[in-house]
C-alpha atoms as a PDB file:
ATOM      1  CA  MET A   1       3.197  -2.018 -11.914  1.00  0.00           C
ATOM      2  CA  ILE A   2       0.056  -3.765 -13.160  1.00  0.00           C
ATOM      3  CA  THR A   3      -1.518  -0.407 -14.051  1.00  0.00           C
ATOM      4  CA  LEU A   4       1.613   0.548 -16.042  1.00  0.00           C
ATOM      5  CA  GLU A   5       1.526  -2.768 -17.891  1.00  0.00           C
ATOM      6  CA  LEU A   6      -2.121  -2.272 -18.791  1.00  0.00           C
ATOM      7  CA  ALA A   7      -1.310   1.251 -20.006  1.00  0.00           C
ATOM      8  CA  ARG A   8       1.517  -0.130 -22.094  1.00  0.00           C
ATOM      9  CA  LEU A   9      -0.722  -2.764 -23.657  1.00  0.00           C
ATOM     10  CA  THR A  10      -3.367  -0.142 -24.394  1.00  0.00           C
ATOM     11  CA  ALA A  11      -0.823   2.201 -25.951  1.00  0.00           C
ATOM     12  CA  GLY A  12       0.593  -0.686 -28.044  1.00  0.00           C
ATOM     13  CA  ALA A  13      -2.856  -1.684 -29.285  1.00  0.00           C
ATOM     14  CA  GLY A  14      -3.579   1.933 -30.152  1.00  0.00           C
ATOM     15  CA  HIS A  15      -0.328   2.239 -32.011  1.00  0.00           C
ATOM     16  CA  VAL A  16      -0.948  -0.928 -34.007  1.00  0.00           C
ATOM     17  CA  THR A  17      -4.480   0.209 -34.899  1.00  0.00           C
ATOM     18  CA  PHE A  18      -3.247   3.645 -35.950  1.00  0.00           C
ATOM     19  CA  SER A  19      -0.417   2.166 -37.966  1.00  0.00           C
ATOM     20  CA  TYR A  20      -2.765  -0.220 -39.715  1.00  0.00           C
ATOM     21  CA  LEU A  21      -5.377   2.401 -40.517  1.00  0.00           C
ATOM     22  CA  ALA A  22      -2.897   5.108 -41.446  1.00  0.00           C
ATOM     23  CA  LYS A  23      -0.622   2.656 -43.306  1.00  0.00           C
ATOM     24  CA  THR A  24       2.487   3.997 -41.685  1.00  0.00           C
ATOM     25  CA  LYS A  25       5.810   2.100 -41.811  1.00  0.00           C
ATOM     26  CA  ALA A  26       6.262  -1.052 -39.785  1.00  0.00           C
ATOM     27  CA  PRO A  27       8.116  -0.922 -36.466  1.00  0.00           C
ATOM     28  CA  ASP A  28      11.802  -1.659 -36.293  1.00  0.00           C
ATOM     29  CA  PRO A  29      12.348  -5.421 -36.691  1.00  0.00           C
ATOM     30  CA  ALA A  30      14.607  -5.556 -33.614  1.00  0.00           C
ATOM     31  CA  LEU A  31      11.897  -3.942 -31.490  1.00  0.00           C
ATOM     32  CA  ALA A  32       9.248  -6.340 -32.824  1.00  0.00           C
ATOM     33  CA  GLN A  33      11.499  -9.324 -32.123  1.00  0.00           C
ATOM     34  CA  ALA A  34      12.319  -8.124 -28.631  1.00  0.00           C
ATOM     35  CA  VAL A  35       8.641  -7.695 -27.810  1.00  0.00           C
ATOM     36  CA  ARG A  36       7.748 -11.106 -29.182  1.00  0.00           C
ATOM     37  CA  ARG A  37      10.474 -12.808 -27.197  1.00  0.00           C
ATOM     38  CA  SER A  38       9.527 -11.168 -23.869  1.00  0.00           C
ATOM     39  CA  THR A  39       5.721 -11.675 -24.280  1.00  0.00           C
ATOM     40  CA  PRO A  40       5.605 -14.980 -22.361  1.00  0.00           C
ATOM     41  CA  LEU A  41       7.074 -13.269 -19.289  1.00  0.00           C
ATOM     42  CA  ARG A  42       4.523 -10.460 -19.511  1.00  0.00           C
ATOM     43  CA  LEU A  43       1.692 -12.916 -19.992  1.00  0.00           C
ATOM     44  CA  THR A  44       2.831 -14.938 -16.990  1.00  0.00           C
ATOM     45  CA  GLY A  45       2.989 -11.763 -14.922  1.00  0.00           C
ATOM     46  CA  LEU A  46      -0.556 -10.776 -15.879  1.00  0.00           C
ATOM     47  CA  ILE A  47      -1.867 -14.249 -15.039  1.00  0.00           C
ATOM     48  CA  SER A  48      -0.046 -14.102 -11.675  1.00  0.00           C
ATOM     49  CA  ALA A  49      -1.765 -10.791 -10.957  1.00  0.00           C
ATOM     50  CA  ALA A  50      -5.176 -12.217 -11.924  1.00  0.00           C
ATOM     51  CA  LEU A  51      -4.578 -15.157  -9.545  1.00  0.00           C
ATOM     52  CA  GLY A  52      -3.813 -12.826  -6.633  1.00  0.00           C
ATOM     53  CA  HIS A  53      -0.009 -12.936  -6.534  1.00  0.00           C
ATOM     54  CA  PRO A  54       0.988  -9.254  -6.888  1.00  0.00           C
ATOM     55  CA  ARG A  55       4.638  -9.680  -5.848  1.00  0.00           C
ATOM     56  CA  ALA A  56       5.234 -12.397  -8.403  1.00  0.00           C
ATOM     57  CA  ALA A  57       3.378 -10.343 -11.020  1.00  0.00           C
ATOM     58  CA  ASN A  58       5.436  -7.252 -10.344  1.00  0.00           C
ATOM     59  CA  ALA A  59       8.676  -9.256 -10.469  1.00  0.00           C
ATOM     60  CA  LEU A  60       7.733 -10.965 -13.754  1.00  0.00           C
ATOM     61  CA  LEU A  61       6.662  -7.684 -15.381  1.00  0.00           C
ATOM     62  CA  ALA A  62       9.840  -5.959 -14.259  1.00  0.00           C
ATOM     63  CA  LEU A  63      11.921  -8.874 -15.541  1.00  0.00           C
ATOM     64  CA  SER A  64      10.211  -8.782 -18.910  1.00  0.00           C
ATOM     65  CA  SER A  65      10.948  -5.049 -19.174  1.00  0.00           C
ATOM     66  CA  LEU A  66      14.592  -5.717 -18.376  1.00  0.00           C
ATOM     67  CA  ALA A  67      14.645  -8.543 -20.908  1.00  0.00           C
ATOM     68  CA  ASN A  68      13.174  -6.173 -23.498  1.00  0.00           C
ATOM     69  CA  GLY A  69      15.993  -3.735 -22.872  1.00  0.00           C
ATOM     70  CA  ALA A  70      18.622  -6.435 -23.104  1.00  0.00           C
ATOM     71  CA  LEU A  71      17.139  -7.789 -26.334  1.00  0.00           C
ATOM     72  CA  LEU A  72      17.085  -4.341 -27.833  1.00  0.00           C
ATOM     73  CA  ALA A  73      20.667  -3.688 -26.821  1.00  0.00           C
ATOM     74  CA  HIS A  74      21.831  -6.963 -28.419  1.00  0.00           C
ATOM     75  CA  PRO A  75      19.314  -7.904 -31.130  1.00  0.00           C
ATOM     76  CA  ARG A  76      19.628 -11.232 -32.931  1.00  0.00           C
ATOM     77  CA  THR A  77      19.554 -10.788 -36.657  1.00  0.00           C
ATOM     78  CA  PRO A  78      19.788 -13.489 -39.335  1.00  0.00           C
ATOM     79  CA  ASP A  79      23.180 -12.208 -40.516  1.00  0.00           C
ATOM     80  CA  ARG A  80      24.644 -12.168 -37.006  1.00  0.00           C
ATOM     81  CA  PRO A  81      24.863 -15.528 -35.210  1.00  0.00           C
ATOM     82  CA  PRO A  82      23.946 -15.657 -31.538  1.00  0.00           C
ATOM     83  CA  SER A  83      26.811 -15.004 -29.147  1.00  0.00           C
END
């Protein structure tokens, strides 16, 4: 799971760099918001892994992925109040 997260982070950094240099369009705002809101869980998972707690790290990274999916399925937008 940790290896997959590192691959995801590397791919994300590559995408951002390519987008910046190629001046492509910005990502979907709902996607950007979902990623921003689930980042604390991902960071906590990576810190747990670094401290030698692989089970907690895997659980946190899996939870953040599920949270990402839920946030994408039900994005909060300024014109739609939270439910």
